[in-house]
PDB file of N, CA and C in Angstrom:
ATOM      1  N   MET A   1      -8.801  -6.798 -11.114  1.00  0.00           N
ATOM      2  CA  MET A   1      -9.281  -6.273  -9.881  1.00  0.00           C
ATOM      3  C   MET A   1      -9.621  -7.475  -8.929  1.00  0.00           C
ATOM      4  N   ALA A   2      -9.050  -7.464  -7.800  1.00  0.00           N
ATOM      5  CA  ALA A   2      -9.258  -8.558  -6.861  1.00  0.00           C
ATOM      6  C   ALA A   2     -10.622  -8.365  -6.157  1.00  0.00           C
ATOM      7  N   ARG A   3     -11.178  -9.490  -5.732  1.00  0.00           N
ATOM      8  CA  ARG A   3     -12.370  -9.501  -4.889  1.00  0.00           C
ATOM      9  C   ARG A   3     -12.058  -8.813  -3.609  1.00  0.00           C
ATOM     10  N   ALA A   4     -13.083  -8.399  -2.913  1.00  0.00           N
ATOM     11  CA  ALA A   4     -12.955  -7.706  -1.595  1.00  0.00           C
ATOM     12  C   ALA A   4     -12.308  -8.725  -0.639  1.00  0.00           C
ATOM     13  N   GLY A   5     -11.188  -8.256   0.107  1.00  0.00           N
ATOM     14  CA  GLY A   5     -10.506  -9.113   1.032  1.00  0.00           C
ATOM     15  C   GLY A   5      -9.382  -9.877   0.402  1.00  0.00           C
ATOM     16  N   TYR A   6      -9.195  -9.767  -0.907  1.00  0.00           N
ATOM     17  CA  TYR A   6      -8.128 -10.514  -1.616  1.00  0.00           C
ATOM     18  C   TYR A   6      -7.093  -9.532  -2.184  1.00  0.00           C
ATOM     19  N   ALA A   7      -5.944 -10.084  -2.490  1.00  0.00           N
ATOM     20  CA  ALA A   7      -4.873  -9.213  -3.103  1.00  0.00           C
ATOM     21  C   ALA A   7      -4.154 -10.074  -4.212  1.00  0.00           C
ATOM     22  N   VAL A   8      -3.380  -9.388  -5.041  1.00  0.00           N
ATOM     23  CA  VAL A   8      -2.536 -10.098  -5.983  1.00  0.00           C
ATOM     24  C   VAL A   8      -1.513 -10.852  -5.200  1.00  0.00           C
ATOM     25  N   ALA A   9      -1.447 -12.167  -5.507  1.00  0.00           N
ATOM     26  CA  ALA A   9      -0.506 -13.074  -4.820  1.00  0.00           C
ATOM     27  C   ALA A   9       0.622 -13.562  -5.667  1.00  0.00           C
ATOM     28  N   GLY A  10       0.450 -13.462  -6.999  1.00  0.00           N
ATOM     29  CA  GLY A  10       1.470 -13.982  -7.924  1.00  0.00           C
ATOM     30  C   GLY A  10       1.003 -13.874  -9.340  1.00  0.00           C
ATOM     31  N   LEU A  11       1.839 -14.327 -10.274  1.00  0.00           N
ATOM     32  CA  LEU A  11       1.601 -14.324 -11.645  1.00  0.00           C
ATOM     33  C   LEU A  11       2.016 -15.677 -12.235  1.00  0.00           C
ATOM     34  N   GLN A  12       1.348 -16.056 -13.300  1.00  0.00           N
ATOM     35  CA  GLN A  12       1.812 -17.136 -14.153  1.00  0.00           C
ATOM     36  C   GLN A  12       2.023 -16.550 -15.507  1.00  0.00           C
ATOM     37  N   THR A  13       3.145 -16.921 -16.197  1.00  0.00           N
ATOM     38  CA  THR A  13       3.386 -16.387 -17.505  1.00  0.00           C
ATOM     39  C   THR A  13       3.862 -17.449 -18.421  1.00  0.00           C
ATOM     40  N   TYR A  14       3.607 -17.279 -19.681  1.00  0.00           N
ATOM     41  CA  TYR A  14       4.209 -18.063 -20.774  1.00  0.00           C
ATOM     42  C   TYR A  14       5.151 -17.058 -21.459  1.00  0.00           C
ATOM     43  N   GLN A  15       6.397 -17.430 -21.560  1.00  0.00           N
ATOM     44  CA  GLN A  15       7.359 -16.552 -22.191  1.00  0.00           C
ATOM     45  C   GLN A  15       8.375 -17.386 -22.949  1.00  0.00           C
ATOM     46  N   ASN A  16       8.785 -16.863 -24.076  1.00  0.00           N
ATOM     47  CA  ASN A  16       9.935 -17.394 -24.826  1.00  0.00           C
ATOM     48  C   ASN A  16      10.421 -16.307 -25.727  1.00  0.00           C
ATOM     49  N   ASP A  17      11.549 -16.514 -26.363  1.00  0.00           N
ATOM     50  CA  ASP A  17      12.120 -15.550 -27.302  1.00  0.00           C
ATOM     51  C   ASP A  17      12.215 -14.241 -26.610  1.00  0.00           C
ATOM     52  N   PHE A  18      12.412 -14.208 -25.225  1.00  0.00           N
ATOM     53  CA  PHE A  18      12.552 -12.957 -24.464  1.00  0.00           C
ATOM     54  C   PHE A  18      11.284 -12.106 -24.487  1.00  0.00           C
ATOM     55  N   ARG A  19      10.174 -12.728 -24.688  1.00  0.00           N
ATOM     56  CA  ARG A  19       8.886 -12.001 -24.633  1.00  0.00           C
ATOM     57  C   ARG A  19       7.867 -12.726 -23.806  1.00  0.00           C
ATOM     58  N   ILE A  20       6.980 -12.010 -23.232  1.00  0.00           N
ATOM     59  CA  ILE A  20       5.877 -12.646 -22.566  1.00  0.00           C
ATOM     60  C   ILE A  20       4.681 -12.756 -23.527  1.00  0.00           C
ATOM     61  N   HIS A  21       4.173 -14.012 -23.611  1.00  0.00           N
ATOM     62  CA  HIS A  21       3.092 -14.286 -24.607  1.00  0.00           C
ATOM     63  C   HIS A  21       1.732 -14.319 -23.905  1.00  0.00           C
ATOM     64  N   GLY A  22       1.758 -14.743 -22.691  1.00  0.00           N
ATOM     65  CA  GLY A  22       0.477 -14.828 -21.935  1.00  0.00           C
ATOM     66  C   GLY A  22       0.675 -14.605 -20.386  1.00  0.00           C
ATOM     67  N   ILE A  23      -0.296 -14.112 -19.729  1.00  0.00           N
ATOM     68  CA  ILE A  23      -0.205 -13.837 -18.283  1.00  0.00           C
ATOM     69  C   ILE A  23      -1.508 -14.130 -17.596  1.00  0.00           C
ATOM     70  N   GLN A  24      -1.401 -14.660 -16.354  1.00  0.00           N
ATOM     71  CA  GLN A  24      -2.601 -14.957 -15.514  1.00  0.00           C
ATOM     72  C   GLN A  24      -2.279 -14.441 -14.142  1.00  0.00           C
ATOM     73  N   VAL A  25      -3.190 -13.755 -13.520  1.00  0.00           N
ATOM     74  CA  VAL A  25      -2.885 -13.241 -12.132  1.00  0.00           C
ATOM     75  C   VAL A  25      -3.493 -14.204 -11.103  1.00  0.00           C
ATOM     76  N   ILE A  26      -2.732 -14.432 -10.060  1.00  0.00           N
ATOM     77  CA  ILE A  26      -3.166 -15.330  -8.952  1.00  0.00           C
ATOM     78  C   ILE A  26      -3.546 -14.357  -7.763  1.00  0.00           C
ATOM     79  N   PHE A  27      -4.775 -14.611  -7.241  1.00  0.00           N
ATOM     80  CA  PHE A  27      -5.247 -13.770  -6.090  1.00  0.00           C
ATOM     81  C   PHE A  27      -5.338 -14.683  -4.875  1.00  0.00           C
ATOM     82  N   ALA A  28      -5.196 -14.103  -3.699  1.00  0.00           N
ATOM     83  CA  ALA A  28      -5.338 -14.872  -2.474  1.00  0.00           C
ATOM     84  C   ALA A  28      -5.957 -13.967  -1.402  1.00  0.00           C
ATOM     85  N   LYS A  29      -6.593 -14.629  -0.467  1.00  0.00           N
ATOM     86  CA  LYS A  29      -7.209 -13.883   0.648  1.00  0.00           C
ATOM     87  C   LYS A  29      -6.140 -13.422   1.587  1.00  0.00           C
ATOM     88  N   ILE A  30      -6.318 -12.190   2.122  1.00  0.00           N
ATOM     89  CA  ILE A  30      -5.398 -11.609   3.002  1.00  0.00           C
ATOM     90  C   ILE A  30      -5.705 -12.070   4.420  1.00  0.00           C
ATOM     91  N   ASP A  31      -4.706 -12.649   5.088  1.00  0.00           N
ATOM     92  CA  ASP A  31      -4.801 -13.152   6.487  1.00  0.00           C
ATOM     93  C   ASP A  31      -4.191 -12.038   7.380  1.00  0.00           C
ATOM     94  N   THR A  32      -5.084 -11.232   7.990  1.00  0.00           N
ATOM     95  CA  THR A  32      -4.611 -10.107   8.768  1.00  0.00           C
ATOM     96  C   THR A  32      -3.836 -10.499  10.047  1.00  0.00           C
ATOM     97  N   ARG A  33      -4.116 -11.715  10.539  1.00  0.00           N
ATOM     98  CA  ARG A  33      -3.370 -12.218  11.761  1.00  0.00           C
ATOM     99  C   ARG A  33      -1.898 -12.421  11.441  1.00  0.00           C
ATOM    100  N   THR A  34      -1.581 -13.039  10.294  1.00  0.00           N
ATOM    101  CA  THR A  34      -0.216 -13.435   9.954  1.00  0.00           C
ATOM    102  C   THR A  34       0.479 -12.358   9.026  1.00  0.00           C
ATOM    103  N   GLU A  35      -0.316 -11.471   8.420  1.00  0.00           N
ATOM    104  CA  GLU A  35       0.129 -10.532   7.457  1.00  0.00           C
ATOM    105  C   GLU A  35       0.760 -11.256   6.211  1.00  0.00           C
ATOM    106  N   ARG A  36       0.100 -12.345   5.858  1.00  0.00           N
ATOM    107  CA  ARG A  36       0.467 -13.153   4.701  1.00  0.00           C
ATOM    108  C   ARG A  36      -0.772 -13.407   3.839  1.00  0.00           C
ATOM    109  N   LEU A  37      -0.601 -13.959   2.724  1.00  0.00           N
ATOM    110  CA  LEU A  37      -1.650 -14.336   1.819  1.00  0.00           C
ATOM    111  C   LEU A  37      -1.924 -15.862   2.036  1.00  0.00           C
ATOM    112  N   ASP A  38      -3.175 -16.188   2.092  1.00  0.00           N
ATOM    113  CA  ASP A  38      -3.651 -17.642   2.292  1.00  0.00           C
ATOM    114  C   ASP A  38      -3.749 -18.285   0.944  1.00  0.00           C
ATOM    115  N   MET A  39      -2.797 -19.085   0.586  1.00  0.00           N
ATOM    116  CA  MET A  39      -2.703 -19.660  -0.712  1.00  0.00           C
ATOM    117  C   MET A  39      -3.435 -20.994  -0.832  1.00  0.00           C
ATOM    118  N   SER A  40      -4.217 -21.352   0.182  1.00  0.00           N
ATOM    119  CA  SER A  40      -4.966 -22.626   0.112  1.00  0.00           C
ATOM    120  C   SER A  40      -5.962 -22.483  -1.046  1.00  0.00           C
ATOM    121  N   PRO A  41      -6.296 -23.650  -1.657  1.00  0.00           N
ATOM    122  CA  PRO A  41      -7.277 -23.597  -2.769  1.00  0.00           C
ATOM    123  C   PRO A  41      -8.611 -22.979  -2.421  1.00  0.00           C
ATOM    124  N   ALA A  42      -9.017 -23.082  -1.188  1.00  0.00           N
ATOM    125  CA  ALA A  42     -10.306 -22.496  -0.744  1.00  0.00           C
ATOM    126  C   ALA A  42     -10.271 -20.956  -0.699  1.00  0.00           C
ATOM    127  N   ASN A  43      -9.018 -20.427  -0.594  1.00  0.00           N
ATOM    128  CA  ASN A  43      -8.869 -18.987  -0.403  1.00  0.00           C
ATOM    129  C   ASN A  43      -8.029 -18.320  -1.496  1.00  0.00           C
ATOM    130  N   SER A  44      -7.888 -18.942  -2.584  1.00  0.00           N
ATOM    131  CA  SER A  44      -7.202 -18.321  -3.708  1.00  0.00           C
ATOM    132  C   SER A  44      -7.902 -18.662  -5.050  1.00  0.00           C
ATOM    133  N   TYR A  45      -7.622 -17.828  -6.006  1.00  0.00           N
ATOM    134  CA  TYR A  45      -8.266 -18.028  -7.329  1.00  0.00           C
ATOM    135  C   TYR A  45      -7.386 -17.388  -8.383  1.00  0.00           C
ATOM    136  N   LYS A  46      -7.554 -17.747  -9.642  1.00  0.00           N
ATOM    137  CA  LYS A  46      -6.768 -17.166 -10.764  1.00  0.00           C
ATOM    138  C   LYS A  46      -7.739 -16.411 -11.718  1.00  0.00           C
ATOM    139  N   SER A  47      -7.103 -15.418 -12.392  1.00  0.00           N
ATOM    140  CA  SER A  47      -7.878 -14.703 -13.404  1.00  0.00           C
ATOM    141  C   SER A  47      -7.946 -15.521 -14.691  1.00  0.00           C
ATOM    142  N   LYS A  48      -8.586 -15.082 -15.668  1.00  0.00           N
ATOM    143  CA  LYS A  48      -8.568 -15.613 -17.019  1.00  0.00           C
ATOM    144  C   LYS A  48      -7.150 -15.313 -17.647  1.00  0.00           C
ATOM    145  N   TRP A  49      -6.698 -16.095 -18.598  1.00  0.00           N
ATOM    146  CA  TRP A  49      -5.443 -15.814 -19.305  1.00  0.00           C
ATOM    147  C   TRP A  49      -5.639 -14.667 -20.188  1.00  0.00           C
ATOM    148  N   THR A  50      -4.605 -13.849 -20.244  1.00  0.00           N
ATOM    149  CA  THR A  50      -4.515 -12.777 -21.202  1.00  0.00           C
ATOM    150  C   THR A  50      -3.351 -13.122 -22.149  1.00  0.00           C
ATOM    151  N   GLY A  51      -3.588 -13.113 -23.406  1.00  0.00           N
ATOM    152  CA  GLY A  51      -2.565 -13.484 -24.347  1.00  0.00           C
ATOM    153  C   GLY A  51      -2.660 -14.974 -24.642  1.00  0.00           C
ATOM    154  N   SER A  52      -1.564 -15.529 -25.043  1.00  0.00           N
ATOM    155  CA  SER A  52      -1.650 -16.963 -25.470  1.00  0.00           C
ATOM    156  C   SER A  52      -0.999 -17.898 -24.430  1.00  0.00           C
ATOM    157  N   ARG A  53      -1.470 -19.187 -24.501  1.00  0.00           N
ATOM    158  CA  ARG A  53      -0.846 -20.200 -23.653  1.00  0.00           C
ATOM    159  C   ARG A  53      -0.023 -21.052 -24.544  1.00  0.00           C
ATOM    160  N   ASP A  54       1.316 -21.140 -24.311  1.00  0.00           N
ATOM    161  CA  ASP A  54       2.175 -21.925 -25.082  1.00  0.00           C
ATOM    162  C   ASP A  54       2.243 -23.357 -24.558  1.00  0.00           C
ATOM    163  N   LYS A  55       2.998 -24.158 -25.264  1.00  0.00           N
ATOM    164  CA  LYS A  55       3.215 -25.566 -24.791  1.00  0.00           C
ATOM    165  C   LYS A  55       4.048 -25.555 -23.510  1.00  0.00           C
ATOM    166  N   GLY A  56       3.893 -26.569 -22.671  1.00  0.00           N
ATOM    167  CA  GLY A  56       4.629 -26.731 -21.433  1.00  0.00           C
ATOM    168  C   GLY A  56       3.988 -25.972 -20.353  1.00  0.00           C
ATOM    169  N   ALA A  57       4.645 -25.925 -19.192  1.00  0.00           N
ATOM    170  CA  ALA A  57       4.125 -25.342 -17.953  1.00  0.00           C
ATOM    171  C   ALA A  57       4.433 -23.846 -17.928  1.00  0.00           C
ATOM    172  N   PRO A  58       3.517 -23.037 -17.429  1.00  0.00           N
ATOM    173  CA  PRO A  58       3.824 -21.662 -17.290  1.00  0.00           C
ATOM    174  C   PRO A  58       4.857 -21.434 -16.130  1.00  0.00           C
ATOM    175  N   LYS A  59       5.522 -20.306 -16.204  1.00  0.00           N
ATOM    176  CA  LYS A  59       6.489 -19.871 -15.168  1.00  0.00           C
ATOM    177  C   LYS A  59       5.647 -19.137 -14.079  1.00  0.00           C
ATOM    178  N   GLN A  60       5.849 -19.492 -12.846  1.00  0.00           N
ATOM    179  CA  GLN A  60       5.135 -18.804 -11.766  1.00  0.00           C
ATOM    180  C   GLN A  60       6.027 -17.851 -11.017  1.00  0.00           C
ATOM    181  N   LEU A  61       5.493 -16.659 -10.806  1.00  0.00           N
ATOM    182  CA  LEU A  61       6.226 -15.633 -10.002  1.00  0.00           C
ATOM    183  C   LEU A  61       5.366 -15.448  -8.739  1.00  0.00           C
ATOM    184  N   GLY A  62       5.980 -15.420  -7.578  1.00  0.00           N
ATOM    185  CA  GLY A  62       5.314 -15.243  -6.301  1.00  0.00           C
ATOM    186  C   GLY A  62       4.424 -16.456  -6.012  1.00  0.00           C
ATOM    187  N   GLY A  63       3.256 -16.245  -5.384  1.00  0.00           N
ATOM    188  CA  GLY A  63       2.401 -17.359  -5.010  1.00  0.00           C
ATOM    189  C   GLY A  63       2.844 -18.156  -3.855  1.00  0.00           C
ATOM    190  N   ASP A  64       3.724 -17.611  -3.031  1.00  0.00           N
ATOM    191  CA  ASP A  64       4.266 -18.312  -1.849  1.00  0.00           C
ATOM    192  C   ASP A  64       3.709 -17.770  -0.548  1.00  0.00           C
ATOM    193  N   GLY A  65       2.715 -16.845  -0.605  1.00  0.00           N
ATOM    194  CA  GLY A  65       2.100 -16.285   0.617  1.00  0.00           C
ATOM    195  C   GLY A  65       2.633 -14.951   1.047  1.00  0.00           C
ATOM    196  N   ARG A  66       3.850 -14.557   0.505  1.00  0.00           N
ATOM    197  CA  ARG A  66       4.373 -13.288   0.831  1.00  0.00           C
ATOM    198  C   ARG A  66       3.600 -12.153   0.140  1.00  0.00           C
ATOM    199  N   LEU A  67       3.450 -10.991   0.733  1.00  0.00           N
ATOM    200  CA  LEU A  67       2.736  -9.857   0.180  1.00  0.00           C
ATOM    201  C   LEU A  67       3.474  -9.236  -0.940  1.00  0.00           C
ATOM    202  N   ILE A  68       2.777  -8.948  -2.065  1.00  0.00           N
ATOM    203  CA  ILE A  68       3.303  -8.278  -3.177  1.00  0.00           C
ATOM    204  C   ILE A  68       3.264  -6.775  -2.903  1.00  0.00           C
ATOM    205  N   ILE A  69       4.446  -6.109  -3.049  1.00  0.00           N
ATOM    206  CA  ILE A  69       4.443  -4.676  -2.789  1.00  0.00           C
ATOM    207  C   ILE A  69       4.845  -3.814  -3.986  1.00  0.00           C
ATOM    208  N   GLY A  70       5.153  -4.560  -5.106  1.00  0.00           N
ATOM    209  CA  GLY A  70       5.467  -3.778  -6.333  1.00  0.00           C
ATOM    210  C   GLY A  70       5.565  -4.734  -7.507  1.00  0.00           C
ATOM    211  N   VAL A  71       5.549  -4.158  -8.690  1.00  0.00           N
ATOM    212  CA  VAL A  71       5.698  -4.876  -9.991  1.00  0.00           C
ATOM    213  C   VAL A  71       6.692  -4.059 -10.787  1.00  0.00           C
ATOM    214  N   TYR A  72       7.556  -4.771 -11.461  1.00  0.00           N
ATOM    215  CA  TYR A  72       8.470  -4.029 -12.378  1.00  0.00           C
ATOM    216  C   TYR A  72       8.593  -4.831 -13.693  1.00  0.00           C
ATOM    217  N   GLY A  73       9.149  -4.166 -14.684  1.00  0.00           N
ATOM    218  CA  GLY A  73       9.299  -4.815 -15.955  1.00  0.00           C
ATOM    219  C   GLY A  73       9.889  -3.848 -16.989  1.00  0.00           C
ATOM    220  N   LYS A  74       9.995  -4.379 -18.208  1.00  0.00           N
ATOM    221  CA  LYS A  74      10.453  -3.535 -19.298  1.00  0.00           C
ATOM    222  C   LYS A  74       9.772  -4.010 -20.576  1.00  0.00           C
ATOM    223  N   THR A  75       9.570  -3.054 -21.439  1.00  0.00           N
ATOM    224  CA  THR A  75       8.889  -3.398 -22.702  1.00  0.00           C
ATOM    225  C   THR A  75       9.558  -2.805 -23.929  1.00  0.00           C
ATOM    226  N   GLY A  76       9.365  -3.361 -25.018  1.00  0.00           N
ATOM    227  CA  GLY A  76       9.751  -2.894 -26.293  1.00  0.00           C
ATOM    228  C   GLY A  76       8.436  -2.782 -27.059  1.00  0.00           C
ATOM    229  N   ALA A  77       8.384  -3.481 -28.223  1.00  0.00           N
ATOM    230  CA  ALA A  77       7.088  -3.552 -28.937  1.00  0.00           C
ATOM    231  C   ALA A  77       6.078  -4.403 -28.257  1.00  0.00           C
ATOM    232  N   ASP A  78       6.580  -5.360 -27.459  1.00  0.00           N
ATOM    233  CA  ASP A  78       5.714  -6.220 -26.657  1.00  0.00           C
ATOM    234  C   ASP A  78       6.176  -6.171 -25.233  1.00  0.00           C
ATOM    235  N   ALA A  79       5.492  -6.838 -24.302  1.00  0.00           N
ATOM    236  CA  ALA A  79       5.937  -6.926 -22.961  1.00  0.00           C
ATOM    237  C   ALA A  79       7.102  -7.925 -22.965  1.00  0.00           C
ATOM    238  N   ASP A  80       8.252  -7.461 -22.498  1.00  0.00           N
ATOM    239  CA  ASP A  80       9.481  -8.276 -22.565  1.00  0.00           C
ATOM    240  C   ASP A  80       9.784  -8.982 -21.249  1.00  0.00           C
ATOM    241  N   THR A  81       9.682  -8.256 -20.141  1.00  0.00           N
ATOM    242  CA  THR A  81       9.959  -8.869 -18.861  1.00  0.00           C
ATOM    243  C   THR A  81       8.953  -8.322 -17.785  1.00  0.00           C
ATOM    244  N   ILE A  82       8.724  -9.082 -16.781  1.00  0.00           N
ATOM    245  CA  ILE A  82       7.913  -8.706 -15.601  1.00  0.00           C
ATOM    246  C   ILE A  82       8.438  -9.401 -14.441  1.00  0.00           C
ATOM    247  N   GLY A  83       8.347  -8.712 -13.328  1.00  0.00           N
ATOM    248  CA  GLY A  83       8.737  -9.351 -12.014  1.00  0.00           C
ATOM    249  C   GLY A  83       7.949  -8.720 -10.859  1.00  0.00           C
ATOM    250  N   LEU A  84       8.060  -9.346  -9.737  1.00  0.00           N
ATOM    251  CA  LEU A  84       7.290  -8.972  -8.569  1.00  0.00           C
ATOM    252  C   LEU A  84       8.272  -8.612  -7.438  1.00  0.00           C
ATOM    253  N   ILE A  85       7.940  -7.599  -6.658  1.00  0.00           N
ATOM    254  CA  ILE A  85       8.658  -7.256  -5.445  1.00  0.00           C
ATOM    255  C   ILE A  85       7.814  -7.701  -4.269  1.00  0.00           C
ATOM    256  N   GLN A  86       8.384  -8.546  -3.426  1.00  0.00           N
ATOM    257  CA  GLN A  86       7.625  -9.178  -2.353  1.00  0.00           C
ATOM    258  C   GLN A  86       8.264  -8.784  -0.967  1.00  0.00           C
ATOM    259  N   MET A  87       7.411  -8.806   0.029  1.00  0.00           N
ATOM    260  CA  MET A  87       7.900  -8.644   1.442  1.00  0.00           C
ATOM    261  C   MET A  87       8.748  -9.763   1.783  1.00  0.00           C
ATOM    262  N   PRO A  88       9.763  -9.604   2.617  1.00  0.00           N
ATOM    263  CA  PRO A  88      10.600 -10.758   3.034  1.00  0.00           C
ATOM    264  C   PRO A  88       9.796 -11.766   3.832  1.00  0.00           C
TER     265      PRO A  88
END
């Protein structure tokens, strides 16, 4: 759940073997003037990790200031894929 005035801005994931092992949500303040998300460090924050953190850098989805309007994915026994639908 985002803080008041903030929205989901992106995700960071650790994935391998075609499975997601860990996920972290990126939140950013909504700038109503520009209809974008303010990704500056003063106006964004990250959730705690859910799942495991593997070696190497996580893969980031979104986080470029565009509004997130949807989430999609597919699962089997575990979460297999996840993606974001963003405004142009």
